[in-house]
Amino acid sequence: MAEKFDVDAPTLNRFVMASTHDHDLVILMNAIATSCKLITSAVQRAGIAKLYGLAGEQNSTGDDQKKLDVLANDMMINALVNSGVCSVLVSEENEEPIFVRTGKSGKFCVAFDPLDGSSNIDCNVSVGTIFSVYEKAPGSEGRVEDLLRSGAHCLCAGYVAYSSAVEMVFTFRGGTVHGFCLDSTIGEFVHTRPHMTFPEDGGKKIYSCNEGNSFNWEQPIKDAVEIFKDEKDPYAARYVGSMVADIHRTILYGGIYLYPADAKSPKGKLRLLYEGIPMAMIIEQAGGIASTGMFEGKIQRVLDLVPDAIHAKCPIIMGGKRDVQVVYDQFAKHGASVPPL
């Protein structure tokens, strides 16, 4: 039987244009998509091209850089700088922000983690890319302060998962969440998951966290995880160690992802601009809850946080309402004021 071809493929560029009629935003998303296609090629050829192992450097937050970290970062920076629509870039891999020179400068400011979960790359586990997009403030020439704003100012956000398929999950502020799969035969991200949401009934009972850190957790988090492990109605434990992979599964299947503050990391471990805020935007607009847990004396929404530096960190408790409620109940038992879900 002859293969059926879609002669009217709903691509990412078409989706962005139909949703916004903003040509600059189409150019920006095309640049991000192009860099993610290049990263896809590098990830898939990592063993053959001898890209496994360390690059001998550390990134902005002190993590050892892999060779693929450096390559993916260069790919994203080159694509975004040359798009002509960006003014300020912030990458996990760079200590300082990147300012685009005037001749190529545009209205967008982009923060990104070019290769999330790269510590897993040498053992062929899923990795990803995360990004958030802001517009320059009125009258600004492009300053760091244009990015140091709460998630309420984030224009759009997304992540890309590199695995058996390459999927981009993307949303606009105030919109719904959509999935796009890379079709290698045409080299385009094609719209495959319209209106992604958490399962209405809560979905599968899955908890995802690094229990190796549990010794340093505060008591309500310990208690919540013990409830998840209750033999009468146990949750399944699933933890990849790549935020993109764990969040993607949590949205599609249900459950909860936790990377809470603890005694060792009182401000959390994940970065706010290019991990916390974009993932929180996606989680909330898919019908979930994106909380900090107890942070700086109170329980907060991640999207309400205002970063005080480009690599500011935050704790993360993200998932469906049913499962986040379990965590909130434990905080309430310990006297915390808990916001309604």
C-alpha atoms as a PDB file:
ATOM      1  CA  MET A   1       0.000   0.000   0.000  1.00  0.00           C
ATOM      2  CA  ALA A   2       1.345   3.431  -0.875  1.00  0.00           C
ATOM      3  CA  GLU A   3       2.289   5.603   2.081  1.00  0.00           C
ATOM      4  CA  LYS A   4      -0.192   8.369   2.808  1.00  0.00           C
ATOM      5  CA  PHE A   5       1.323  11.849   2.903  1.00  0.00           C
ATOM      6  CA  ASP A   6      -0.198  14.858   4.643  1.00  0.00           C
ATOM      7  CA  VAL A   7      -0.083  17.622   2.034  1.00  0.00           C
ATOM      8  CA  ASP A   8      -1.379  20.167   4.531  1.00  0.00           C
ATOM      9  CA  ALA A   9       0.763  19.452   7.617  1.00  0.00           C
ATOM     10  CA  PRO A  10      -0.086  21.772  10.544  1.00  0.00           C
ATOM     11  CA  THR A  11       3.437  22.950  11.389  1.00  0.00           C
ATOM     12  CA  LEU A  12       4.687  24.926  14.379  1.00  0.00           C
ATOM     13  CA  ASN A  13       5.233  28.054  12.258  1.00  0.00           C
ATOM     14  CA  ARG A  14       1.665  27.915  10.950  1.00  0.00           C
ATOM     15  CA  PHE A  15       0.332  27.440  14.468  1.00  0.00           C
ATOM     16  CA  VAL A  16       2.245  30.447  15.832  1.00  0.00           C
ATOM     17  CA  MET A  17       1.217  32.656  12.922  1.00  0.00           C
ATOM     18  CA  ALA A  18      -2.453  31.652  13.173  1.00  0.00           C
ATOM     19  CA  SER A  19      -2.405  32.225  16.944  1.00  0.00           C
ATOM     20  CA  THR A  20      -0.621  35.590  17.028  1.00  0.00           C
ATOM     21  CA  HIS A  21      -0.188  37.107  13.518  1.00  0.00           C
ATOM     22  CA  ASP A  22       3.189  38.252  14.904  1.00  0.00           C
ATOM     23  CA  HIS A  23       5.865  37.764  12.233  1.00  0.00           C
ATOM     24  CA  ASP A  24       8.694  38.387  14.714  1.00  0.00           C
ATOM     25  CA  LEU A  25       7.385  35.656  16.997  1.00  0.00           C
ATOM     26  CA  VAL A  26       7.198  33.260  14.028  1.00  0.00           C
ATOM     27  CA  ILE A  27      10.838  34.078  13.256  1.00  0.00           C
ATOM     28  CA  LEU A  28      11.797  33.518  16.901  1.00  0.00           C
ATOM     29  CA  MET A  29      10.047  30.155  17.129  1.00  0.00           C
ATOM     30  CA  ASN A  30      11.585  29.123  13.820  1.00  0.00           C
ATOM     31  CA  ALA A  31      15.025  29.926  15.259  1.00  0.00           C
ATOM     32  CA  ILE A  32      14.307  27.905  18.411  1.00  0.00           C
ATOM     33  CA  ALA A  33      12.941  25.023  16.340  1.00  0.00           C
ATOM     34  CA  THR A  34      16.001  25.091  14.060  1.00  0.00           C
ATOM     35  CA  SER A  35      18.386  24.938  17.013  1.00  0.00           C
ATOM     36  CA  CYS A  36      16.381  22.042  18.487  1.00  0.00           C
ATOM     37  CA  LYS A  37      16.645  20.154  15.178  1.00  0.00           C
ATOM     38  CA  LEU A  38      20.418  20.641  15.292  1.00  0.00           C
ATOM     39  CA  ILE A  39      20.500  19.468  18.914  1.00  0.00           C
ATOM     40  CA  THR A  40      18.422  16.433  17.896  1.00  0.00           C
ATOM     41  CA  SER A  41      21.059  15.508  15.340  1.00  0.00           C
ATOM     42  CA  ALA A  42      23.874  15.989  17.857  1.00  0.00           C
ATOM     43  CA  VAL A  43      22.121  13.913  20.538  1.00  0.00           C
ATOM     44  CA  GLN A  44      21.367  11.092  18.115  1.00  0.00           C
ATOM     45  CA  ARG A  45      24.951  11.030  16.829  1.00  0.00           C
ATOM     46  CA  ALA A  46      26.634  11.628  20.203  1.00  0.00           C
ATOM     47  CA  GLY A  47      28.299   8.225  20.386  1.00  0.00           C
ATOM     48  CA  ILE A  48      29.425   8.161  16.762  1.00  0.00           C
ATOM     49  CA  ALA A  49      30.675  11.758  16.852  1.00  0.00           C
ATOM     50  CA  LYS A  50      32.499  11.178  20.185  1.00  0.00           C
ATOM     51  CA  LEU A  51      30.405  13.758  22.018  1.00  0.00           C
ATOM     52  CA  TYR A  52      30.106  11.776  25.243  1.00  0.00           C
ATOM     53  CA  GLY A  53      32.019  12.906  28.319  1.00  0.00           C
ATOM     54  CA  LEU A  54      32.953  16.173  29.980  1.00  0.00           C
ATOM     55  CA  ALA A  55      34.096  19.348  28.268  1.00  0.00           C
ATOM     56  CA  GLY A  56      36.364  20.240  31.195  1.00  0.00           C
ATOM     57  CA  GLU A  57      34.326  23.302  32.253  1.00  0.00           C
ATOM     58  CA  GLN A  58      31.565  24.188  34.702  1.00  0.00           C
ATOM     59  CA  ASN A  59      28.414  26.093  33.858  1.00  0.00           C
ATOM     60  CA  SER A  60      26.938  29.133  35.595  1.00  0.00           C
ATOM     61  CA  THR A  61      25.632  27.109  38.524  1.00  0.00           C
ATOM     62  CA  GLY A  62      28.717  24.978  39.078  1.00  0.00           C
ATOM     63  CA  ASP A  63      27.605  21.817  37.251  1.00  0.00           C
ATOM     64  CA  ASP A  64      30.196  20.024  35.139  1.00  0.00           C
ATOM     65  CA  GLN A  65      29.597  20.723  31.462  1.00  0.00           C
ATOM     66  CA  LYS A  66      29.284  17.872  29.001  1.00  0.00           C
ATOM     67  CA  LYS A  67      30.571  18.242  25.457  1.00  0.00           C
ATOM     68  CA  LEU A  68      26.968  18.204  24.288  1.00  0.00           C
ATOM     69  CA  ASP A  69      26.089  20.997  26.745  1.00  0.00           C
ATOM     70  CA  VAL A  70      28.601  23.278  25.061  1.00  0.00           C
ATOM     71  CA  LEU A  71      27.534  22.284  21.546  1.00  0.00           C
ATOM     72  CA  ALA A  72      23.799  22.659  22.258  1.00  0.00           C
ATOM     73  CA  ASN A  73      24.418  26.038  23.878  1.00  0.00           C
ATOM     74  CA  ASP A  74      26.373  27.298  20.876  1.00  0.00           C
ATOM     75  CA  MET A  75      23.625  26.090  18.539  1.00  0.00           C
ATOM     76  CA  MET A  76      20.905  27.955  20.417  1.00  0.00           C
ATOM     77  CA  ILE A  77      22.906  31.155  20.836  1.00  0.00           C
ATOM     78  CA  ASN A  78      23.857  31.261  17.148  1.00  0.00           C
ATOM     79  CA  ALA A  79      20.280  30.675  16.013  1.00  0.00           C
ATOM     80  CA  LEU A  80      18.802  33.274  18.367  1.00  0.00           C
ATOM     81  CA  VAL A  81      21.420  35.971  17.772  1.00  0.00           C
ATOM     82  CA  ASN A  82      21.094  35.618  14.009  1.00  0.00           C
ATOM     83  CA  SER A  83      17.297  35.579  14.071  1.00  0.00           C
ATOM     84  CA  GLY A  84      17.301  39.374  14.292  1.00  0.00           C
ATOM     85  CA  VAL A  85      14.440  39.441  16.812  1.00  0.00           C
ATOM     86  CA  CYS A  86      16.272  39.009  20.146  1.00  0.00           C
ATOM     87  CA  SER A  87      17.968  41.562  22.377  1.00  0.00           C
ATOM     88  CA  VAL A  88      18.946  39.642  25.534  1.00  0.00           C
ATOM     89  CA  LEU A  89      19.718  35.946  25.986  1.00  0.00           C
ATOM     90  CA  VAL A  90      20.222  34.060  29.239  1.00  0.00           C
ATOM     91  CA  SER A  91      21.565  30.499  29.192  1.00  0.00           C
ATOM     92  CA  GLU A  92      22.234  28.075  32.000  1.00  0.00           C
ATOM     93  CA  GLU A  93      25.649  27.551  30.459  1.00  0.00           C
ATOM     94  CA  ASN A  94      26.724  31.213  30.581  1.00  0.00           C
ATOM     95  CA  GLU A  95      27.527  33.114  33.750  1.00  0.00           C
ATOM     96  CA  GLU A  96      26.581  36.452  32.189  1.00  0.00           C
ATOM     97  CA  PRO A  97      23.688  37.461  29.918  1.00  0.00           C
ATOM     98  CA  ILE A  98      24.315  37.836  26.189  1.00  0.00           C
ATOM     99  CA  PHE A  99      23.373  41.181  24.642  1.00  0.00           C
ATOM    100  CA  VAL A 100      22.684  41.153  20.921  1.00  0.00           C
ATOM    101  CA  ARG A 101      24.377  44.020  19.061  1.00  0.00           C
ATOM    102  CA  THR A 102      22.137  46.742  17.703  1.00  0.00           C
ATOM    103  CA  GLY A 103      22.234  45.665  14.052  1.00  0.00           C
ATOM    104  CA  LYS A 104      20.696  42.286  14.902  1.00  0.00           C
ATOM    105  CA  SER A 105      18.676  43.277  17.952  1.00  0.00           C
ATOM    106  CA  GLY A 106      14.934  42.731  18.279  1.00  0.00           C
ATOM    107  CA  LYS A 107      12.100  42.854  20.797  1.00  0.00           C
ATOM    108  CA  PHE A 108      12.424  39.473  22.530  1.00  0.00           C
ATOM    109  CA  CYS A 109      14.410  38.312  25.547  1.00  0.00           C
ATOM    110  CA  VAL A 110      14.910  34.553  25.812  1.00  0.00           C
ATOM    111  CA  ALA A 111      16.071  32.403  28.729  1.00  0.00           C
ATOM    112  CA  PHE A 112      16.926  28.761  28.067  1.00  0.00           C
ATOM    113  CA  ASP A 113      18.475  25.563  29.326  1.00  0.00           C
ATOM    114  CA  PRO A 114      19.900  24.137  26.096  1.00  0.00           C
ATOM    115  CA  LEU A 115      20.313  20.565  27.344  1.00  0.00           C
ATOM    116  CA  ASP A 116      18.383  19.735  30.489  1.00  0.00           C
ATOM    117  CA  GLY A 117      19.326  16.426  32.121  1.00  0.00           C
ATOM    118  CA  SER A 118      22.648  16.230  30.297  1.00  0.00           C
ATOM    119  CA  SER A 119      24.206  14.216  33.134  1.00  0.00           C
ATOM    120  CA  ASN A 120      22.163  11.342  31.653  1.00  0.00           C
ATOM    121  CA  ILE A 121      23.459  11.701  28.103  1.00  0.00           C
ATOM    122  CA  ASP A 122      26.295   9.191  28.378  1.00  0.00           C
ATOM    123  CA  CYS A 123      23.849   6.404  29.316  1.00  0.00           C
ATOM    124  CA  ASN A 124      21.357   7.284  26.555  1.00  0.00           C
ATOM    125  CA  VAL A 125      18.557   8.564  28.788  1.00  0.00           C
ATOM    126  CA  SER A 126      16.115  11.236  27.619  1.00  0.00           C
ATOM    127  CA  VAL A 127      17.291  14.848  27.724  1.00  0.00           C
ATOM    128  CA  GLY A 128      15.592  18.091  26.739  1.00  0.00           C
ATOM    129  CA  THR A 129      15.592  21.829  26.095  1.00  0.00           C
ATOM    130  CA  ILE A 130      13.551  24.392  28.082  1.00  0.00           C
ATOM    131  CA  PHE A 131      12.894  28.022  27.160  1.00  0.00           C
ATOM    132  CA  SER A 132      10.899  31.076  28.195  1.00  0.00           C
ATOM    133  CA  VAL A 133      10.282  34.211  26.127  1.00  0.00           C
ATOM    134  CA  TYR A 134       9.732  37.784  27.320  1.00  0.00           C
ATOM    135  CA  GLU A 135       9.265  41.050  25.457  1.00  0.00           C
ATOM    136  CA  LYS A 136      11.432  44.062  26.213  1.00  0.00           C
ATOM    137  CA  ALA A 137       9.802  46.548  28.541  1.00  0.00           C
ATOM    138  CA  PRO A 138       8.486  49.694  26.784  1.00  0.00           C
ATOM    139  CA  GLY A 139      11.374  52.038  25.998  1.00  0.00           C
ATOM    140  CA  SER A 140      14.040  49.486  26.875  1.00  0.00           C
ATOM    141  CA  GLU A 141      17.029  48.897  24.617  1.00  0.00           C
ATOM    142  CA  GLY A 142      17.324  45.387  26.018  1.00  0.00           C
ATOM    143  CA  ARG A 143      18.400  45.035  29.651  1.00  0.00           C
ATOM    144  CA  VAL A 144      18.727  42.195  32.138  1.00  0.00           C
ATOM    145  CA  GLU A 145      15.801  43.744  34.009  1.00  0.00           C
ATOM    146  CA  ASP A 146      13.548  42.863  31.067  1.00  0.00           C
ATOM    147  CA  LEU A 147      13.915  39.234  32.151  1.00  0.00           C
ATOM    148  CA  LEU A 148      13.951  39.768  35.915  1.00  0.00           C
ATOM    149  CA  ARG A 149      10.172  39.789  36.129  1.00  0.00           C
ATOM    150  CA  SER A 150       7.575  37.333  37.359  1.00  0.00           C
ATOM    151  CA  GLY A 151       6.014  34.648  35.225  1.00  0.00           C
ATOM    152  CA  ALA A 152       3.031  36.961  34.677  1.00  0.00           C
ATOM    153  CA  HIS A 153       5.223  38.755  32.114  1.00  0.00           C
ATOM    154  CA  CYS A 154       6.332  35.600  30.300  1.00  0.00           C
ATOM    155  CA  LEU A 155       4.990  35.719  26.734  1.00  0.00           C
ATOM    156  CA  CYS A 156       5.364  32.022  25.915  1.00  0.00           C
ATOM    157  CA  ALA A 157       7.252  28.961  27.102  1.00  0.00           C
ATOM    158  CA  GLY A 158       8.107  25.485  25.975  1.00  0.00           C
ATOM    159  CA  TYR A 159      10.293  22.438  26.224  1.00  0.00           C
ATOM    160  CA  VAL A 160      11.589  19.830  23.799  1.00  0.00           C
ATOM    161  CA  ALA A 161      12.066  16.173  24.749  1.00  0.00           C
ATOM    162  CA  TYR A 162      14.692  14.216  22.799  1.00  0.00           C
ATOM    163  CA  SER A 163      13.812  10.524  22.932  1.00  0.00           C
ATOM    164  CA  SER A 164      12.320   7.853  20.676  1.00  0.00           C
ATOM    165  CA  ALA A 165      10.389  10.798  19.238  1.00  0.00           C
ATOM    166  CA  VAL A 166      11.325  14.469  19.467  1.00  0.00           C
ATOM    167  CA  GLU A 167       8.440  16.477  20.921  1.00  0.00           C
ATOM    168  CA  MET A 168       8.041  20.184  21.579  1.00  0.00           C
ATOM    169  CA  VAL A 169       5.427  21.220  24.136  1.00  0.00           C
ATOM    170  CA  PHE A 170       4.536  24.892  23.852  1.00  0.00           C
ATOM    171  CA  THR A 171       2.100  27.449  25.257  1.00  0.00           C
ATOM    172  CA  PHE A 172       1.312  31.160  25.090  1.00  0.00           C
ATOM    173  CA  ARG A 173       0.515  33.204  28.196  1.00  0.00           C
ATOM    174  CA  GLY A 174      -3.145  32.658  29.034  1.00  0.00           C
ATOM    175  CA  GLY A 175      -3.525  29.944  26.400  1.00  0.00           C
ATOM    176  CA  THR A 176      -3.649  26.176  26.198  1.00  0.00           C
ATOM    177  CA  VAL A 177      -0.797  23.697  25.883  1.00  0.00           C
ATOM    178  CA  HIS A 178       0.055  22.071  22.558  1.00  0.00           C
ATOM    179  CA  GLY A 179       2.447  19.331  21.481  1.00  0.00           C
ATOM    180  CA  PHE A 180       4.439  19.163  18.246  1.00  0.00           C
ATOM    181  CA  CYS A 181       6.351  16.132  17.016  1.00  0.00           C
ATOM    182  CA  LEU A 182       9.408  16.463  14.778  1.00  0.00           C
ATOM    183  CA  ASP A 183       8.708  14.768  11.451  1.00  0.00           C
ATOM    184  CA  SER A 184      12.172  13.919  10.166  1.00  0.00           C
ATOM    185  CA  THR A 185      10.855  13.295   6.636  1.00  0.00           C
ATOM    186  CA  ILE A 186       9.968  16.974   6.182  1.00  0.00           C
ATOM    187  CA  GLY A 187      12.177  18.490   8.898  1.00  0.00           C
ATOM    188  CA  GLU A 188       9.285  20.241  10.637  1.00  0.00           C
ATOM    189  CA  PHE A 189       7.569  20.149  14.035  1.00  0.00           C
ATOM    190  CA  VAL A 190       3.994  19.033  13.311  1.00  0.00           C
ATOM    191  CA  HIS A 191       1.020  19.703  15.594  1.00  0.00           C
ATOM    192  CA  THR A 192       0.145  16.329  17.148  1.00  0.00           C
ATOM    193  CA  ARG A 193      -1.203  17.037  20.655  1.00  0.00           C
ATOM    194  CA  PRO A 194      -3.862  19.783  20.703  1.00  0.00           C
ATOM    195  CA  HIS A 195      -4.949  21.080  24.112  1.00  0.00           C
ATOM    196  CA  MET A 196      -2.781  18.949  26.386  1.00  0.00           C
ATOM    197  CA  THR A 197      -4.242  18.662  29.889  1.00  0.00           C
ATOM    198  CA  PHE A 198      -3.821  16.606  33.016  1.00  0.00           C
ATOM    199  CA  PRO A 199      -6.176  13.607  33.124  1.00  0.00           C
ATOM    200  CA  GLU A 200      -9.558  14.729  34.499  1.00  0.00           C
ATOM    201  CA  ASP A 201      -9.638  12.024  37.183  1.00  0.00           C
ATOM    202  CA  GLY A 202      -6.057  12.781  38.271  1.00  0.00           C
ATOM    203  CA  GLY A 203      -4.654   9.993  36.128  1.00  0.00           C
ATOM    204  CA  LYS A 204      -2.055   7.552  37.331  1.00  0.00           C
ATOM    205  CA  LYS A 205      -0.763   7.816  40.873  1.00  0.00           C
ATOM    206  CA  ILE A 206       2.920   8.534  40.293  1.00  0.00           C
ATOM    207  CA  TYR A 207       5.336  10.482  42.451  1.00  0.00           C
ATOM    208  CA  SER A 208       8.648  11.677  41.064  1.00  0.00           C
ATOM    209  CA  CYS A 209      11.477  12.956  43.253  1.00  0.00           C
ATOM    210  CA  ASN A 210      15.087  12.278  44.206  1.00  0.00           C
ATOM    211  CA  GLU A 211      14.646  10.443  47.488  1.00  0.00           C
ATOM    212  CA  GLY A 212      18.407  10.467  47.931  1.00  0.00           C
ATOM    213  CA  ASN A 213      17.868  14.014  49.207  1.00  0.00           C
ATOM    214  CA  SER A 214      15.161  13.032  51.705  1.00  0.00           C
ATOM    215  CA  PHE A 215      17.448  13.284  54.739  1.00  0.00           C
ATOM    216  CA  ASN A 216      17.537  17.068  54.178  1.00  0.00           C
ATOM    217  CA  TRP A 217      13.820  17.546  53.441  1.00  0.00           C
ATOM    218  CA  GLU A 218      11.505  19.339  55.855  1.00  0.00           C
ATOM    219  CA  GLN A 219       9.007  17.146  57.671  1.00  0.00           C
ATOM    220  CA  PRO A 220       5.851  17.912  55.601  1.00  0.00           C
ATOM    221  CA  ILE A 221       7.619  16.751  52.421  1.00  0.00           C
ATOM    222  CA  LYS A 222       8.809  13.586  54.146  1.00  0.00           C
ATOM    223  CA  ASP A 223       5.294  12.925  55.430  1.00  0.00           C
ATOM    224  CA  ALA A 224       3.728  13.475  51.992  1.00  0.00           C
ATOM    225  CA  VAL A 225       6.123  11.033  50.345  1.00  0.00           C
ATOM    226  CA  GLU A 226       5.362   8.451  53.038  1.00  0.00           C
ATOM    227  CA  ILE A 227       1.660   8.816  52.186  1.00  0.00           C
ATOM    228  CA  PHE A 228       2.508   8.278  48.515  1.00  0.00           C
ATOM    229  CA  LYS A 229       4.179   5.006  49.576  1.00  0.00           C
ATOM    230  CA  ASP A 230       1.268   3.836  51.773  1.00  0.00           C
ATOM    231  CA  GLU A 231       0.865   0.102  51.180  1.00  0.00           C
ATOM    232  CA  LYS A 232      -2.931   0.397  51.121  1.00  0.00           C
ATOM    233  CA  ASP A 233      -2.950   2.684  48.070  1.00  0.00           C
ATOM    234  CA  PRO A 234       0.635   3.137  46.902  1.00  0.00           C
ATOM    235  CA  TYR A 235       1.812   5.469  44.187  1.00  0.00           C
ATOM    236  CA  ALA A 236       4.365   4.250  41.658  1.00  0.00           C
ATOM    237  CA  ALA A 237       7.804   5.863  41.914  1.00  0.00           C
ATOM    238  CA  ARG A 238       9.201   7.206  38.637  1.00  0.00           C
ATOM    239  CA  TYR A 239      12.238   9.482  38.520  1.00  0.00           C
ATOM    240  CA  VAL A 240      14.292  10.031  35.371  1.00  0.00           C
ATOM    241  CA  GLY A 241      16.451  12.892  36.647  1.00  0.00           C
ATOM    242  CA  SER A 242      15.756  14.962  33.539  1.00  0.00           C
ATOM    243  CA  MET A 243      13.145  17.602  34.378  1.00  0.00           C
ATOM    244  CA  VAL A 244      11.776  17.615  30.825  1.00  0.00           C
ATOM    245  CA  ALA A 245      11.185  13.863  30.848  1.00  0.00           C
ATOM    246  CA  ASP A 246       9.655  13.828  34.339  1.00  0.00           C
ATOM    247  CA  ILE A 247       7.357  16.818  33.679  1.00  0.00           C
ATOM    248  CA  HIS A 248       6.290  15.473  30.266  1.00  0.00           C
ATOM    249  CA  ARG A 249       5.243  12.164  31.821  1.00  0.00           C
ATOM    250  CA  THR A 250       3.500  13.952  34.707  1.00  0.00           C
ATOM    251  CA  ILE A 251       1.315  16.010  32.355  1.00  0.00           C
ATOM    252  CA  LEU A 252       0.409  13.063  30.124  1.00  0.00           C
ATOM    253  CA  TYR A 253      -0.095  10.395  32.803  1.00  0.00           C
ATOM    254  CA  GLY A 254      -0.850  12.379  35.962  1.00  0.00           C
ATOM    255  CA  GLY A 255       0.955  12.458  39.293  1.00  0.00           C
ATOM    256  CA  ILE A 256       3.390  14.851  40.937  1.00  0.00           C
ATOM    257  CA  TYR A 257       6.990  16.029  40.500  1.00  0.00           C
ATOM    258  CA  LEU A 258       8.899  17.363  43.497  1.00  0.00           C
ATOM    259  CA  TYR A 259      12.238  19.126  43.838  1.00  0.00           C
ATOM    260  CA  PRO A 260      11.637  20.902  47.155  1.00  0.00           C
ATOM    261  CA  ALA A 261      13.782  23.266  49.149  1.00  0.00           C
ATOM    262  CA  ASP A 262      15.777  21.502  51.839  1.00  0.00           C
ATOM    263  CA  ALA A 263      18.458  22.081  54.457  1.00  0.00           C
ATOM    264  CA  LYS A 264      21.203  21.789  51.863  1.00  0.00           C
ATOM    265  CA  SER A 265      19.508  23.988  49.225  1.00  0.00           C
ATOM    266  CA  PRO A 266      17.111  26.350  51.062  1.00  0.00           C
ATOM    267  CA  LYS A 267      16.337  28.227  47.832  1.00  0.00           C
ATOM    268  CA  GLY A 268      15.818  25.027  45.875  1.00  0.00           C
ATOM    269  CA  LYS A 269      18.015  23.626  43.128  1.00  0.00           C
ATOM    270  CA  LEU A 270      16.206  24.394  39.855  1.00  0.00           C
ATOM    271  CA  ARG A 271      16.675  27.718  38.094  1.00  0.00           C
ATOM    272  CA  LEU A 272      13.709  30.048  37.983  1.00  0.00           C
ATOM    273  CA  LEU A 273      14.042  31.775  34.590  1.00  0.00           C
ATOM    274  CA  TYR A 274      14.659  28.760  32.384  1.00  0.00           C
ATOM    275  CA  GLU A 275      13.268  25.852  34.424  1.00  0.00           C
ATOM    276  CA  GLY A 276      10.792  26.987  37.091  1.00  0.00           C
ATOM    277  CA  ILE A 277       8.829  29.698  35.254  1.00  0.00           C
ATOM    278  CA  PRO A 278       8.456  28.019  31.842  1.00  0.00           C
ATOM    279  CA  MET A 279       7.509  24.667  33.367  1.00  0.00           C
ATOM    280  CA  ALA A 280       5.099  26.342  35.798  1.00  0.00           C
ATOM    281  CA  MET A 281       3.387  28.160  32.935  1.00  0.00           C
ATOM    282  CA  ILE A 282       2.951  24.898  31.035  1.00  0.00           C
ATOM    283  CA  ILE A 283       1.783  22.960  34.112  1.00  0.00           C
ATOM    284  CA  GLU A 284      -0.819  25.561  35.131  1.00  0.00           C
ATOM    285  CA  GLN A 285      -2.181  25.987  31.616  1.00  0.00           C
ATOM    286  CA  ALA A 286      -2.496  22.210  31.354  1.00  0.00           C
ATOM    287  CA  GLY A 287      -4.730  22.294  34.438  1.00  0.00           C
ATOM    288  CA  GLY A 288      -2.141  21.480  37.090  1.00  0.00           C
ATOM    289  CA  ILE A 289      -0.577  23.230  40.082  1.00  0.00           C
ATOM    290  CA  ALA A 290       2.920  24.743  40.098  1.00  0.00           C
ATOM    291  CA  SER A 291       3.898  25.534  43.675  1.00  0.00           C
ATOM    292  CA  THR A 292       7.120  26.302  45.516  1.00  0.00           C
ATOM    293  CA  GLY A 293       6.022  24.471  48.630  1.00  0.00           C
ATOM    294  CA  MET A 294       7.277  26.316  51.699  1.00  0.00           C
ATOM    295  CA  PHE A 295       9.657  28.988  50.409  1.00  0.00           C
ATOM    296  CA  GLU A 296      10.826  32.134  52.173  1.00  0.00           C
ATOM    297  CA  GLY A 297       8.251  31.678  54.916  1.00  0.00           C
ATOM    298  CA  LYS A 298       5.166  30.899  52.839  1.00  0.00           C
ATOM    299  CA  ILE A 299       3.715  28.635  50.146  1.00  0.00           C
ATOM    300  CA  GLN A 300       3.770  30.422  46.787  1.00  0.00           C
ATOM    301  CA  ARG A 301       2.977  30.022  43.102  1.00  0.00           C
ATOM    302  CA  VAL A 302       6.140  29.667  41.045  1.00  0.00           C
ATOM    303  CA  LEU A 303       4.741  32.168  38.527  1.00  0.00           C
ATOM    304  CA  ASP A 304       4.491  34.823  41.261  1.00  0.00           C
ATOM    305  CA  LEU A 305       8.209  34.719  42.039  1.00  0.00           C
ATOM    306  CA  VAL A 306      10.392  37.574  40.808  1.00  0.00           C
ATOM    307  CA  PRO A 307      13.991  36.457  40.119  1.00  0.00           C
ATOM    308  CA  ASP A 308      16.630  38.686  41.706  1.00  0.00           C
ATOM    309  CA  ALA A 309      19.356  37.350  39.403  1.00  0.00           C
ATOM    310  CA  ILE A 310      19.428  35.565  36.057  1.00  0.00           C
ATOM    311  CA  HIS A 311      20.394  32.266  37.686  1.00  0.00           C
ATOM    312  CA  ALA A 312      18.079  32.571  40.699  1.00  0.00           C
ATOM    313  CA  LYS A 313      16.769  29.246  41.997  1.00  0.00           C
ATOM    314  CA  CYS A 314      13.419  28.059  43.299  1.00  0.00           C
ATOM    315  CA  PRO A 315      11.878  24.911  44.819  1.00  0.00           C
ATOM    316  CA  ILE A 316       9.352  22.982  42.749  1.00  0.00           C
ATOM    317  CA  ILE A 317       6.198  21.012  43.542  1.00  0.00           C
ATOM    318  CA  MET A 318       4.287  20.480  40.303  1.00  0.00           C
ATOM    319  CA  GLY A 319       1.467  18.139  39.400  1.00  0.00           C
ATOM    320  CA  GLY A 320      -2.236  17.477  39.372  1.00  0.00           C
ATOM    321  CA  LYS A 321      -4.545  18.982  42.008  1.00  0.00           C
ATOM    322  CA  ARG A 322      -5.272  15.617  43.623  1.00  0.00           C
ATOM    323  CA  ASP A 323      -1.615  14.952  44.283  1.00  0.00           C
ATOM    324  CA  VAL A 324      -0.445  18.458  45.211  1.00  0.00           C
ATOM    325  CA  GLN A 325      -3.294  18.522  47.747  1.00  0.00           C
ATOM    326  CA  VAL A 326      -1.597  15.638  49.579  1.00  0.00           C
ATOM    327  CA  VAL A 327       1.501  17.807  50.027  1.00  0.00           C
ATOM    328  CA  TYR A 328      -0.522  20.868  51.036  1.00  0.00           C
ATOM    329  CA  ASP A 329      -2.399  18.819  53.649  1.00  0.00           C
ATOM    330  CA  GLN A 330       0.895  17.909  55.305  1.00  0.00           C
ATOM    331  CA  PHE A 331       2.018  21.530  55.400  1.00  0.00           C
ATOM    332  CA  ALA A 332      -1.352  22.447  56.960  1.00  0.00           C
ATOM    333  CA  LYS A 333      -0.876  19.788  59.652  1.00  0.00           C
ATOM    334  CA  HIS A 334       2.397  21.487  60.561  1.00  0.00           C
ATOM    335  CA  GLY A 335       0.686  24.855  60.945  1.00  0.00           C
ATOM    336  CA  ALA A 336       1.367  26.413  57.543  1.00  0.00           C
ATOM    337  CA  SER A 337      -1.173  28.647  55.832  1.00  0.00           C
ATOM    338  CA  VAL A 338      -2.125  26.769  52.674  1.00  0.00           C
ATOM    339  CA  PRO A 339      -3.731  28.450  49.649  1.00  0.00           C
ATOM    340  CA  PRO A 340      -6.816  26.785  48.150  1.00  0.00           C
ATOM    341  CA  LEU A 341      -6.288  24.783  44.978  1.00  0.00           C
END
